[in-house]
Amino acid sequence: MIFLLVVAAIGTAIFAFINGFGAWLVSRRKPWIAVLFLLAAALLAVAFGGLVGFFPYTRILLGFGLGLAWLASFLNAHIVLGNVVWRYHVIRGILAIAIYVIADFGLG
């Protein structure tokens, strides 16, 4: 059970870092997409704390953070870059679902 929480926490931290970096990259082009990236990173950072310690709303924060991370990435690809490569977004969605399921099993 601890191993599952460690794996989910590492995945959550990686997603949070990627979203923080994404916010920095898109901040000058579309600030509202940067806000989505930052909001996702903040939710994931709090969810990371909930996975490491005890927080009763960890599942909700993790789910919203991962969903918002996927949405911000998709909007960035669609609006800012103008090129959606679906396989990357499907892989990102599958990883987000996997992190959530692993965290759910780890939390019991």
N, C-alpha and C. Protein backbone atom coordinates (compact mmCIF):
# COMPACT_ATOMS: atom_id res chain seq x y z
N MET A 1 0.82 -1.19 0.00
CA MET A 1 0.00 0.00 0.00
C MET A 1 0.87 1.26 0.00
N ILE A 2 1.92 1.26 0.78
CA ILE A 2 2.83 2.41 0.80
C ILE A 2 3.50 2.56 -0.57
N PHE A 3 3.85 1.43 -1.18
CA PHE A 3 4.49 1.48 -2.49
C PHE A 3 3.58 2.14 -3.52
N LEU A 4 2.29 1.84 -3.47
CA LEU A 4 1.34 2.45 -4.40
C LEU A 4 1.24 3.96 -4.18
N LEU A 5 1.26 4.37 -2.92
CA LEU A 5 1.20 5.80 -2.62
C LEU A 5 2.47 6.51 -3.08
N VAL A 6 3.61 5.85 -2.95
CA VAL A 6 4.86 6.45 -3.42
C VAL A 6 4.85 6.62 -4.94
N VAL A 7 4.39 5.58 -5.65
CA VAL A 7 4.31 5.67 -7.11
C VAL A 7 3.34 6.77 -7.53
N ALA A 8 2.18 6.84 -6.88
CA ALA A 8 1.20 7.88 -7.21
C ALA A 8 1.73 9.27 -6.86
N ALA A 9 2.45 9.39 -5.75
CA ALA A 9 3.00 10.69 -5.37
C ALA A 9 4.07 11.14 -6.36
N ILE A 10 4.90 10.21 -6.82
CA ILE A 10 5.92 10.57 -7.80
C ILE A 10 5.27 10.99 -9.12
N GLY A 11 4.27 10.25 -9.56
CA GLY A 11 3.56 10.62 -10.78
C GLY A 11 2.86 11.96 -10.65
N THR A 12 2.29 12.22 -9.49
CA THR A 12 1.62 13.50 -9.25
C THR A 12 2.62 14.64 -9.26
N ALA A 13 3.78 14.44 -8.66
CA ALA A 13 4.81 15.48 -8.65
C ALA A 13 5.31 15.76 -10.06
N ILE A 14 5.46 14.72 -10.87
CA ILE A 14 5.90 14.91 -12.26
C ILE A 14 4.85 15.68 -13.04
N PHE A 15 3.58 15.32 -12.86
CA PHE A 15 2.51 16.06 -13.55
C PHE A 15 2.49 17.52 -13.10
N ALA A 16 2.67 17.79 -11.81
CA ALA A 16 2.68 19.16 -11.30
C ALA A 16 3.84 19.96 -11.90
N PHE A 17 5.01 19.34 -11.97
CA PHE A 17 6.17 20.02 -12.55
C PHE A 17 5.94 20.33 -14.03
N ILE A 18 5.42 19.37 -14.76
CA ILE A 18 5.16 19.58 -16.19
C ILE A 18 4.16 20.70 -16.40
N ASN A 19 3.15 20.78 -15.55
CA ASN A 19 2.15 21.85 -15.70
C ASN A 19 2.71 23.21 -15.31
N GLY A 20 3.56 23.24 -14.31
CA GLY A 20 4.21 24.50 -13.97
C GLY A 20 5.10 24.99 -15.11
N PHE A 21 5.83 24.08 -15.72
CA PHE A 21 6.66 24.42 -16.87
C PHE A 21 5.80 24.84 -18.05
N GLY A 22 4.68 24.15 -18.26
CA GLY A 22 3.76 24.52 -19.34
C GLY A 22 3.20 25.92 -19.15
N ALA A 23 2.91 26.28 -17.90
CA ALA A 23 2.41 27.63 -17.63
C ALA A 23 3.46 28.68 -17.98
N TRP A 24 4.68 28.38 -17.66
CA TRP A 24 5.76 29.32 -17.98
C TRP A 24 5.91 29.48 -19.50
N LEU A 25 5.81 28.37 -20.22
CA LEU A 25 5.99 28.42 -21.67
C LEU A 25 4.89 29.20 -22.39
N VAL A 26 3.67 29.10 -21.90
CA VAL A 26 2.54 29.70 -22.62
C VAL A 26 2.10 31.04 -22.02
N SER A 27 2.79 31.52 -20.99
CA SER A 27 2.32 32.70 -20.26
C SER A 27 2.24 33.96 -21.11
N ARG A 28 3.10 34.11 -22.08
CA ARG A 28 3.07 35.32 -22.91
C ARG A 28 2.08 35.22 -24.06
N ARG A 29 1.82 34.01 -24.52
CA ARG A 29 0.93 33.84 -25.67
C ARG A 29 -0.54 33.89 -25.27
N LYS A 30 -0.90 33.02 -24.34
CA LYS A 30 -2.30 32.94 -23.88
C LYS A 30 -2.28 32.84 -22.35
N PRO A 31 -2.40 33.97 -21.67
CA PRO A 31 -2.33 33.94 -20.21
C PRO A 31 -3.42 33.11 -19.55
N TRP A 32 -4.59 33.01 -20.15
CA TRP A 32 -5.66 32.24 -19.52
C TRP A 32 -5.36 30.75 -19.56
N ILE A 33 -4.63 30.27 -20.56
CA ILE A 33 -4.22 28.87 -20.57
C ILE A 33 -3.12 28.66 -19.54
N ALA A 34 -2.27 29.66 -19.36
CA ALA A 34 -1.25 29.58 -18.30
C ALA A 34 -1.91 29.47 -16.93
N VAL A 35 -3.01 30.17 -16.73
CA VAL A 35 -3.74 30.08 -15.47
C VAL A 35 -4.28 28.66 -15.27
N LEU A 36 -4.77 28.03 -16.33
CA LEU A 36 -5.24 26.64 -16.23
C LEU A 36 -4.10 25.71 -15.84
N PHE A 37 -2.94 25.91 -16.48
CA PHE A 37 -1.78 25.10 -16.13
C PHE A 37 -1.38 25.30 -14.67
N LEU A 38 -1.37 26.55 -14.22
CA LEU A 38 -0.99 26.83 -12.83
C LEU A 38 -2.00 26.29 -11.84
N LEU A 39 -3.28 26.39 -12.17
CA LEU A 39 -4.31 25.85 -11.29
C LEU A 39 -4.17 24.33 -11.18
N ALA A 40 -3.91 23.68 -12.30
CA ALA A 40 -3.69 22.23 -12.28
C ALA A 40 -2.46 21.89 -11.45
N ALA A 41 -1.38 22.65 -11.62
CA ALA A 41 -0.16 22.40 -10.85
C ALA A 41 -0.41 22.61 -9.35
N ALA A 42 -1.19 23.63 -9.00
CA ALA A 42 -1.48 23.87 -7.59
C ALA A 42 -2.33 22.75 -7.00
N LEU A 43 -3.34 22.32 -7.72
CA LEU A 43 -4.17 21.20 -7.25
C LEU A 43 -3.34 19.93 -7.10
N LEU A 44 -2.46 19.68 -8.05
CA LEU A 44 -1.62 18.49 -7.98
C LEU A 44 -0.60 18.59 -6.85
N ALA A 45 -0.10 19.78 -6.57
CA ALA A 45 0.83 19.94 -5.46
C ALA A 45 0.14 19.67 -4.12
N VAL A 46 -1.08 20.15 -3.97
CA VAL A 46 -1.83 19.88 -2.74
C VAL A 46 -2.18 18.39 -2.65
N ALA A 47 -2.54 17.79 -3.79
CA ALA A 47 -2.83 16.35 -3.80
C ALA A 47 -1.58 15.54 -3.46
N PHE A 48 -0.42 16.01 -3.91
CA PHE A 48 0.84 15.36 -3.55
C PHE A 48 1.02 15.37 -2.03
N GLY A 49 0.75 16.51 -1.43
CA GLY A 49 0.83 16.60 0.03
C GLY A 49 -0.15 15.66 0.71
N GLY A 50 -1.33 15.52 0.11
CA GLY A 50 -2.32 14.60 0.66
C GLY A 50 -1.92 13.15 0.51
N LEU A 51 -1.20 12.82 -0.54
CA LEU A 51 -0.72 11.45 -0.72
C LEU A 51 0.42 11.14 0.24
N VAL A 52 1.25 12.12 0.54
CA VAL A 52 2.37 11.91 1.45
C VAL A 52 1.89 11.91 2.89
N GLY A 53 1.01 12.82 3.23
CA GLY A 53 0.46 12.91 4.58
C GLY A 53 -0.99 12.46 4.58
N PHE A 54 -1.76 13.02 5.50
CA PHE A 54 -3.18 12.69 5.55
C PHE A 54 -3.99 13.92 5.23
N PHE A 55 -4.86 13.79 4.24
CA PHE A 55 -5.77 14.85 3.86
C PHE A 55 -7.02 14.18 3.34
N PRO A 56 -8.19 14.48 3.89
CA PRO A 56 -9.39 13.72 3.53
C PRO A 56 -9.88 13.92 2.09
N TYR A 57 -9.51 15.00 1.43
CA TYR A 57 -10.03 15.28 0.09
C TYR A 57 -8.98 15.05 -1.00
N THR A 58 -8.06 14.15 -0.75
CA THR A 58 -6.98 13.91 -1.70
C THR A 58 -7.50 13.39 -3.03
N ARG A 59 -8.44 12.48 -3.00
CA ARG A 59 -8.96 11.91 -4.25
C ARG A 59 -9.61 12.96 -5.13
N ILE A 60 -10.38 13.85 -4.52
CA ILE A 60 -11.07 14.89 -5.28
C ILE A 60 -10.05 15.86 -5.91
N LEU A 61 -9.09 16.30 -5.11
CA LEU A 61 -8.07 17.21 -5.62
C LEU A 61 -7.23 16.57 -6.71
N LEU A 62 -6.88 15.31 -6.50
CA LEU A 62 -6.09 14.61 -7.50
C LEU A 62 -6.86 14.43 -8.80
N GLY A 63 -8.11 14.07 -8.70
CA GLY A 63 -8.93 13.90 -9.90
C GLY A 63 -9.11 15.20 -10.67
N PHE A 64 -9.44 16.28 -9.96
CA PHE A 64 -9.60 17.57 -10.62
C PHE A 64 -8.27 18.07 -11.19
N GLY A 65 -7.20 17.87 -10.44
CA GLY A 65 -5.88 18.31 -10.92
C GLY A 65 -5.44 17.58 -12.17
N LEU A 66 -5.62 16.26 -12.18
CA LEU A 66 -5.24 15.49 -13.36
C LEU A 66 -6.13 15.80 -14.56
N GLY A 67 -7.43 15.97 -14.31
CA GLY A 67 -8.34 16.33 -15.40
C GLY A 67 -8.04 17.70 -15.97
N LEU A 68 -7.77 18.65 -15.09
CA LEU A 68 -7.45 20.00 -15.54
C LEU A 68 -6.10 20.03 -16.25
N ALA A 69 -5.17 19.20 -15.81
CA ALA A 69 -3.88 19.12 -16.50
C ALA A 69 -4.06 18.62 -17.93
N TRP A 70 -4.91 17.61 -18.09
CA TRP A 70 -5.17 17.10 -19.43
C TRP A 70 -5.86 18.16 -20.29
N LEU A 71 -6.85 18.83 -19.72
CA LEU A 71 -7.58 19.85 -20.45
C LEU A 71 -6.67 21.01 -20.86
N ALA A 72 -5.82 21.47 -19.95
CA ALA A 72 -4.92 22.57 -20.27
C ALA A 72 -3.94 22.17 -21.37
N SER A 73 -3.46 20.95 -21.32
CA SER A 73 -2.55 20.48 -22.36
C SER A 73 -3.26 20.40 -23.71
N PHE A 74 -4.48 19.91 -23.72
CA PHE A 74 -5.24 19.83 -24.96
C PHE A 74 -5.53 21.21 -25.53
N LEU A 75 -5.96 22.14 -24.67
CA LEU A 75 -6.24 23.50 -25.15
C LEU A 75 -4.97 24.18 -25.65
N ASN A 76 -3.86 23.92 -25.00
CA ASN A 76 -2.60 24.48 -25.45
C ASN A 76 -2.26 23.96 -26.86
N ALA A 77 -2.42 22.67 -27.05
CA ALA A 77 -2.12 22.09 -28.37
C ALA A 77 -3.10 22.60 -29.43
N HIS A 78 -4.35 22.74 -29.07
CA HIS A 78 -5.36 23.14 -30.04
C HIS A 78 -5.31 24.63 -30.37
N ILE A 79 -5.23 25.47 -29.34
CA ILE A 79 -5.34 26.91 -29.55
C ILE A 79 -3.98 27.56 -29.81
N VAL A 80 -3.01 27.25 -28.96
CA VAL A 80 -1.72 27.93 -29.08
C VAL A 80 -0.88 27.33 -30.20
N LEU A 81 -0.71 26.03 -30.19
CA LEU A 81 0.14 25.38 -31.18
C LEU A 81 -0.58 25.12 -32.49
N GLY A 82 -1.89 24.91 -32.43
CA GLY A 82 -2.66 24.66 -33.63
C GLY A 82 -2.48 23.27 -34.21
N ASN A 83 -1.95 22.35 -33.42
CA ASN A 83 -1.70 20.99 -33.90
C ASN A 83 -1.91 20.01 -32.75
N VAL A 84 -3.02 19.31 -32.78
CA VAL A 84 -3.31 18.31 -31.76
C VAL A 84 -2.83 16.96 -32.26
N VAL A 85 -1.86 16.38 -31.56
CA VAL A 85 -1.41 15.02 -31.86
C VAL A 85 -2.14 14.13 -30.86
N TRP A 86 -3.16 13.43 -31.33
CA TRP A 86 -4.07 12.71 -30.45
C TRP A 86 -3.39 11.63 -29.63
N ARG A 87 -2.40 10.96 -30.19
CA ARG A 87 -1.77 9.87 -29.44
C ARG A 87 -1.09 10.39 -28.17
N TYR A 88 -0.53 11.60 -28.21
CA TYR A 88 0.09 12.17 -27.02
C TYR A 88 -0.95 12.48 -25.95
N HIS A 89 -2.10 12.98 -26.37
CA HIS A 89 -3.14 13.30 -25.41
C HIS A 89 -3.82 12.06 -24.86
N VAL A 90 -3.92 11.03 -25.68
CA VAL A 90 -4.46 9.76 -25.19
C VAL A 90 -3.50 9.14 -24.17
N ILE A 91 -2.21 9.18 -24.48
CA ILE A 91 -1.21 8.65 -23.54
C ILE A 91 -1.23 9.45 -22.24
N ARG A 92 -1.31 10.76 -22.35
CA ARG A 92 -1.36 11.60 -21.14
C ARG A 92 -2.62 11.30 -20.32
N GLY A 93 -3.75 11.09 -20.99
CA GLY A 93 -4.98 10.74 -20.29
C GLY A 93 -4.89 9.39 -19.62
N ILE A 94 -4.30 8.41 -20.30
CA ILE A 94 -4.13 7.08 -19.70
C ILE A 94 -3.21 7.14 -18.49
N LEU A 95 -2.14 7.92 -18.59
CA LEU A 95 -1.25 8.07 -17.43
C LEU A 95 -1.96 8.75 -16.26
N ALA A 96 -2.78 9.75 -16.56
CA ALA A 96 -3.53 10.43 -15.50
C ALA A 96 -4.50 9.46 -14.82
N ILE A 97 -5.20 8.66 -15.61
CA ILE A 97 -6.12 7.68 -15.04
C ILE A 97 -5.36 6.64 -14.23
N ALA A 98 -4.20 6.22 -14.73
CA ALA A 98 -3.39 5.24 -14.00
C ALA A 98 -2.92 5.79 -12.67
N ILE A 99 -2.49 7.04 -12.65
CA ILE A 99 -2.06 7.66 -11.38
C ILE A 99 -3.22 7.72 -10.41
N TYR A 100 -4.40 8.10 -10.91
CA TYR A 100 -5.56 8.18 -10.03
C TYR A 100 -5.94 6.81 -9.47
N VAL A 101 -5.94 5.79 -10.32
CA VAL A 101 -6.30 4.43 -9.87
C VAL A 101 -5.28 3.92 -8.86
N ILE A 102 -4.00 4.14 -9.13
CA ILE A 102 -2.96 3.70 -8.19
C ILE A 102 -3.12 4.42 -6.84
N ALA A 103 -3.39 5.72 -6.90
CA ALA A 103 -3.59 6.46 -5.65
C ALA A 103 -4.84 5.98 -4.91
N ASP A 104 -5.88 5.67 -5.66
CA ASP A 104 -7.12 5.20 -5.04
C ASP A 104 -6.88 3.86 -4.32
N PHE A 105 -6.18 2.95 -4.99
CA PHE A 105 -5.86 1.67 -4.33
C PHE A 105 -4.93 1.88 -3.14
N GLY A 106 -3.99 2.80 -3.27
CA GLY A 106 -3.06 3.06 -2.17
C GLY A 106 -3.72 3.69 -0.97
N LEU A 107 -4.71 4.55 -1.21
CA LEU A 107 -5.41 5.20 -0.10
C LEU A 107 -6.40 4.26 0.57
N GLY A 108 -6.77 3.21 -0.14
CA GLY A 108 -7.66 2.21 0.45
C GLY A 108 -9.06 2.56 0.29
